[in-house]
Protein backbone atom coordinates (compact mmCIF):
# COMPACT_ATOMS: atom_id res chain seq x y z
CA UNK A 1 0.09 -0.12 -0.01
CA UNK A 2 1.46 3.23 -0.98
CA UNK A 3 1.74 5.80 1.84
CA UNK A 4 2.88 9.58 1.66
CA UNK A 5 4.30 11.12 4.88
CA UNK A 6 4.90 14.83 5.06
CA UNK A 7 4.86 17.71 7.53
CA UNK A 8 6.36 18.22 10.88
CA UNK A 9 8.51 15.33 12.02
CA UNK A 10 7.16 15.26 15.73
CA UNK A 11 4.89 13.40 17.85
CA UNK A 12 1.71 14.74 16.49
CA UNK A 13 0.39 12.53 13.81
CA UNK A 14 -2.84 12.67 11.45
CA UNK A 15 -3.80 9.82 9.20
CA UNK A 16 -6.19 10.80 6.36
CA UNK A 17 -8.10 8.06 4.78
CA UNK A 18 -9.93 8.79 1.36
CA UNK A 19 -13.35 7.46 0.04
CA UNK A 20 -13.85 4.73 -2.59
CA UNK A 21 -13.10 5.90 -6.18
CA UNK A 22 -10.75 8.59 -5.11
CA UNK A 23 -7.36 8.48 -3.75
CA UNK A 24 -5.15 10.31 -1.38
CA UNK A 25 -5.13 13.33 -3.76
CA UNK A 26 -8.54 14.39 -2.45
CA UNK A 27 -6.70 15.44 0.83
CA UNK A 28 -4.15 17.80 -0.78
CA UNK A 29 -5.62 21.11 0.39
CA UNK A 30 -6.28 19.74 4.07
CA UNK A 31 -2.69 17.91 3.97
CA UNK A 32 -1.24 21.32 3.14
CA UNK A 33 -2.96 23.03 6.04
CA UNK A 34 -2.05 20.38 8.73
CA UNK A 35 1.44 19.61 7.79
CA UNK A 36 2.77 22.85 9.37
CA UNK A 37 2.16 21.46 12.76
CA UNK A 38 1.63 17.69 12.21
CA UNK A 39 3.09 14.68 10.64
CA UNK A 40 0.44 13.96 7.96
CA UNK A 41 0.20 10.36 6.75
CA UNK A 42 -1.88 9.81 3.68
CA UNK A 43 -2.23 6.39 2.09
CA UNK A 44 -3.69 5.40 -1.31
CA UNK A 45 -5.90 2.56 0.02
CA UNK A 46 -5.56 -0.82 -1.63
CA UNK A 47 -6.92 -0.94 -5.25
CA UNK A 48 -6.69 2.86 -5.60
CA UNK A 49 -4.42 5.56 -6.97
CA UNK A 50 -0.86 4.35 -6.37
CA UNK A 51 -2.02 1.21 -4.94
CA UNK A 52 -4.21 0.28 -7.67
CA UNK A 53 -1.90 -3.01 -8.37
CA UNK A 54 -2.81 -4.16 -4.72
CA UNK A 55 -6.56 -5.05 -4.97
CA UNK A 56 -8.98 -4.25 -2.12
CA UNK A 57 -9.85 -7.39 -0.43
CA UNK A 58 -11.70 -6.30 2.94
CA UNK A 59 -11.92 -3.80 5.61
CA UNK A 60 -10.29 -6.01 8.03
CA UNK A 61 -7.21 -6.52 5.74
CA UNK A 62 -6.78 -2.99 5.17
CA UNK A 63 -7.17 -2.03 8.84
CA UNK A 64 -4.51 -4.54 9.38
CA UNK A 65 -2.43 -2.73 6.90
CA UNK A 66 -3.18 0.75 8.58
CA UNK A 67 -2.24 -0.61 11.81
CA UNK A 68 1.19 -1.49 10.52
CA UNK A 69 1.61 1.98 9.13
CA UNK A 70 0.88 3.57 12.40
CA UNK A 71 3.12 0.95 14.31
CA UNK A 72 6.00 1.66 12.00
CA UNK A 73 6.31 5.00 13.42
CA UNK A 74 8.57 4.92 16.46
CA UNK A 75 7.01 8.25 18.08
CA UNK A 76 4.75 5.88 19.85
CA UNK A 77 1.96 8.70 20.07
CA UNK A 78 -1.63 7.86 19.03
CA UNK A 79 -2.81 9.58 15.74
CA UNK A 80 -5.83 11.49 14.80
CA UNK A 81 -7.65 9.70 12.04
CA UNK A 82 -9.71 11.62 9.52
CA UNK A 83 -12.07 9.26 7.03
CA UNK A 84 -14.37 10.05 4.27
CA UNK A 85 -17.11 7.57 3.28
CA UNK A 86 -15.32 4.29 2.73
CA UNK A 87 -12.27 5.78 4.73
CA UNK A 88 -14.84 6.96 7.51
CA UNK A 89 -15.86 3.18 7.74
CA UNK A 90 -12.23 2.21 8.14
CA UNK A 91 -11.64 5.09 10.68
CA UNK A 92 -14.35 3.67 12.92
CA UNK A 93 -12.94 0.33 12.76
CA UNK A 94 -9.33 1.41 13.44
CA UNK A 95 -10.35 3.55 16.45
CA UNK A 96 -12.75 0.95 17.85
CA UNK A 97 -10.21 -2.08 17.61
CA UNK A 98 -7.00 -0.28 18.07
CA UNK A 99 -7.64 2.67 20.43
CA UNK A 100 -4.06 2.54 21.81
CA UNK A 101 -3.10 3.92 18.20
CA UNK A 102 -6.04 6.48 17.81
CA UNK A 103 -7.02 9.11 20.18
CA UNK A 104 -9.14 11.41 17.93
CA UNK A 105 -11.11 10.60 14.78
CA UNK A 106 -13.31 12.48 12.49
CA UNK A 107 -15.90 10.33 10.74
CA UNK A 108 -17.29 12.03 7.66
CA UNK A 109 -20.14 10.43 5.64
CA UNK A 110 -19.83 6.82 6.88
CA UNK A 111 -22.84 4.58 6.01
CA UNK A 112 -23.35 2.37 9.08
CA UNK A 113 -26.51 0.56 8.42
CA UNK A 114 -25.96 -2.82 6.56
CA UNK A 115 -27.94 -3.10 3.24
CA UNK A 116 -29.74 -6.37 2.85
CA UNK A 117 -29.51 -8.49 -0.32
CA UNK A 118 -26.49 -6.88 -1.68
CA UNK A 119 -26.14 -9.61 -4.36
CA UNK A 120 -28.22 -7.83 -7.10
CA UNK A 121 -26.71 -4.40 -6.46
CA UNK A 122 -23.00 -6.04 -6.79
CA UNK A 123 -24.09 -8.12 -9.89
CA UNK A 124 -25.22 -4.85 -11.57
CA UNK A 125 -22.27 -3.12 -10.56
CA UNK A 126 -19.98 -5.94 -11.97
CA UNK A 127 -21.83 -5.68 -15.17
CA UNK A 128 -21.27 -2.01 -15.55
CA UNK A 129 -17.81 -1.87 -14.14
CA UNK A 130 -16.14 -1.06 -17.55
CA UNK A 131 -18.08 2.23 -17.66
CA UNK A 132 -15.71 3.72 -14.95
CA UNK A 133 -12.95 3.49 -17.56
CA UNK A 134 -14.80 5.97 -19.91
CA UNK A 135 -14.18 9.60 -19.08
CA UNK A 136 -17.81 10.71 -19.75
CA UNK A 137 -19.03 8.27 -17.10
CA UNK A 138 -16.23 9.11 -14.62
CA UNK A 139 -16.98 12.72 -14.88
CA UNK A 140 -20.66 11.99 -14.14
CA UNK A 141 -19.47 10.31 -11.06
CA UNK A 142 -17.14 13.01 -10.15
CA UNK A 143 -20.09 15.45 -9.81
CA UNK A 144 -21.65 13.39 -7.15
CA UNK A 145 -18.51 13.83 -4.96
CA UNK A 146 -18.13 17.47 -5.79
CA UNK A 147 -14.66 16.89 -7.49
CA UNK A 148 -13.35 20.31 -8.64
CA UNK A 149 -12.37 20.93 -12.17
CA UNK A 150 -8.47 20.96 -11.04
CA UNK A 151 -8.76 17.50 -9.69
CA UNK A 152 -10.74 15.98 -12.52
CA UNK A 153 -7.79 14.22 -14.25
CA UNK A 154 -6.70 12.79 -10.94
CA UNK A 155 -10.38 11.35 -10.49
CA UNK A 156 -10.55 10.00 -14.10
CA UNK A 157 -7.16 8.35 -13.83
CA UNK A 158 -7.95 6.87 -10.50
CA UNK A 159 -11.42 5.66 -11.52
CA UNK A 160 -10.06 4.05 -14.81
CA UNK A 161 -7.43 2.05 -12.86
CA UNK A 162 -9.92 0.42 -10.26
CA UNK A 163 -10.39 -3.18 -11.17
CA UNK A 164 -13.51 -5.03 -11.09
CA UNK A 165 -12.27 -7.02 -8.28
CA UNK A 166 -11.45 -3.83 -6.17
CA UNK A 167 -14.78 -2.36 -6.96
CA UNK A 168 -16.85 -5.38 -5.90
CA UNK A 169 -14.78 -5.92 -2.72
CA UNK A 170 -14.80 -2.26 -1.68
CA UNK A 171 -18.56 -1.60 -2.49
CA UNK A 172 -19.51 -4.82 -0.89
CA UNK A 173 -17.62 -4.15 2.36
CA UNK A 174 -19.20 -0.83 2.25
CA UNK A 175 -22.69 -1.98 1.82
CA UNK A 176 -22.32 -4.60 4.54
CA UNK A 177 -20.53 -2.25 7.14
CA UNK A 178 -21.96 -2.16 10.66
CA UNK A 179 -20.84 -0.31 13.63
CA UNK A 180 -18.29 -2.53 15.63
CA UNK A 181 -19.36 -3.28 19.26
CA UNK A 182 -16.00 -1.76 20.65
CA UNK A 183 -16.80 1.66 19.24
CA UNK A 184 -19.03 2.18 22.11
CA UNK A 185 -15.84 1.88 24.43
CA UNK A 186 -13.73 4.04 22.35
CA UNK A 187 -12.01 6.45 24.90
CA UNK A 188 -10.80 9.10 22.53
CA UNK A 189 -12.58 12.13 20.94
CA UNK A 190 -14.72 11.78 17.98
CA UNK A 191 -16.44 14.14 15.44
CA UNK A 192 -19.19 12.55 13.29
CA UNK A 193 -20.44 14.58 10.08
CA UNK A 194 -22.92 14.05 7.47
CA UNK A 195 -24.40 16.27 4.70
CA UNK A 196 -27.84 17.47 5.16
CA UNK A 197 -28.63 16.70 1.53
CA UNK A 198 -27.23 13.08 1.80
CA UNK A 199 -29.38 9.99 1.37
CA UNK A 200 -31.38 9.35 4.42
CA UNK A 201 -29.42 6.25 5.21
CA UNK A 202 -26.10 8.43 5.49
CA UNK A 203 -27.81 10.93 7.79
CA UNK A 204 -29.46 8.01 9.90
CA UNK A 205 -25.95 6.36 9.97
CA UNK A 206 -24.30 9.45 11.35
CA UNK A 207 -27.15 9.51 14.12
CA UNK A 208 -26.39 5.64 14.90
CA UNK A 209 -22.70 6.45 15.01
CA UNK A 210 -23.17 9.05 17.52
CA UNK A 211 -25.87 7.31 19.67
CA UNK A 212 -23.40 4.36 19.77
CA UNK A 213 -20.64 6.73 21.22
CA UNK A 214 -22.64 9.47 23.02
CA UNK A 215 -19.31 11.33 23.91
CA UNK A 216 -18.97 11.93 20.29
CA UNK A 217 -19.93 15.29 18.57
CA UNK A 218 -22.54 15.09 15.71
CA UNK A 219 -22.88 17.60 12.92
CA UNK A 220 -25.28 17.62 10.09
CA UNK A 221 -23.85 20.16 7.58
CA UNK A 222 -26.51 22.38 6.08
CA UNK A 223 -26.57 22.41 2.21
CA UNK A 224 -24.00 19.58 1.75
CA UNK A 225 -24.25 16.23 -0.14
CA UNK A 226 -22.05 13.22 -0.13
CA UNK A 227 -18.59 15.08 -0.54
CA UNK A 228 -18.24 17.51 2.30
CA UNK A 229 -14.36 17.71 2.07
CA UNK A 230 -14.63 18.59 -1.54
CA UNK A 231 -17.98 20.50 -1.61
CA UNK A 232 -16.99 22.92 1.21
CA UNK A 233 -13.17 22.53 1.28
CA UNK A 234 -12.20 25.75 3.01
CA UNK A 235 -14.90 25.74 5.83
CA UNK A 236 -14.28 21.68 6.12
CA UNK A 237 -10.25 22.19 6.43
CA UNK A 238 -10.67 24.98 8.99
CA UNK A 239 -13.11 23.02 11.03
CA UNK A 240 -10.91 19.90 11.16
CA UNK A 241 -7.70 21.79 11.70
CA UNK A 242 -9.22 23.63 14.62
CA UNK A 243 -10.80 20.54 16.08
CA UNK A 244 -7.67 18.35 15.82
CA UNK A 245 -5.54 21.26 17.31
CA UNK A 246 -7.85 21.91 20.14
CA UNK A 247 -7.76 18.21 21.02
CA UNK A 248 -4.08 18.35 20.86
CA UNK A 249 -3.47 21.38 23.01
């Protein structure tokens, strides 16, 4: 798994986990903001971006890889983890199952209500997987995530390189995701976000994630759809930077 590390080489670490269909490039503005005060760790998750040759298999396997990334740093200090969509599910898993490695997490647009009977959905997805390699289709999908024009080439390149195996595994894991029981015992700080214009299941998921960990903060962002970090980049970066810094100091 490709991992980019930048910023201040100190004890303060921030791990940024992108969503499905994109890659670490989606975090560039936030990464630039944070690296003046933190060590910023940005992986391309399996099957995505510069990790395209390493197929996505499961959330469990990906979390194991992320644990290895965090444990390879000898600072020993827990990290703040920021995750979007697929990455937000991984952030929950990482915080819930490895709280010794995570002391703060920002969970953005995580679906947390398992969808029954995923077979037909995945069959249809598999049948249409080749469309992702066509620029016109990728551009349609990019609009749903609010990918800005300056990042469109990155999105099209990432989308076209995602294999059918990765697509089905990542989407299947996303649709079947449920809040892990240890999340309720997470001792760190958590901020849970969803867009007010997202699908109902996404808003319900945000509430469920918050209810499972009542000490968390819940924010439903007015006017936003599924793509808060890219739709309201400046606001989001200000919010995350201030929240992480406040918790640190």
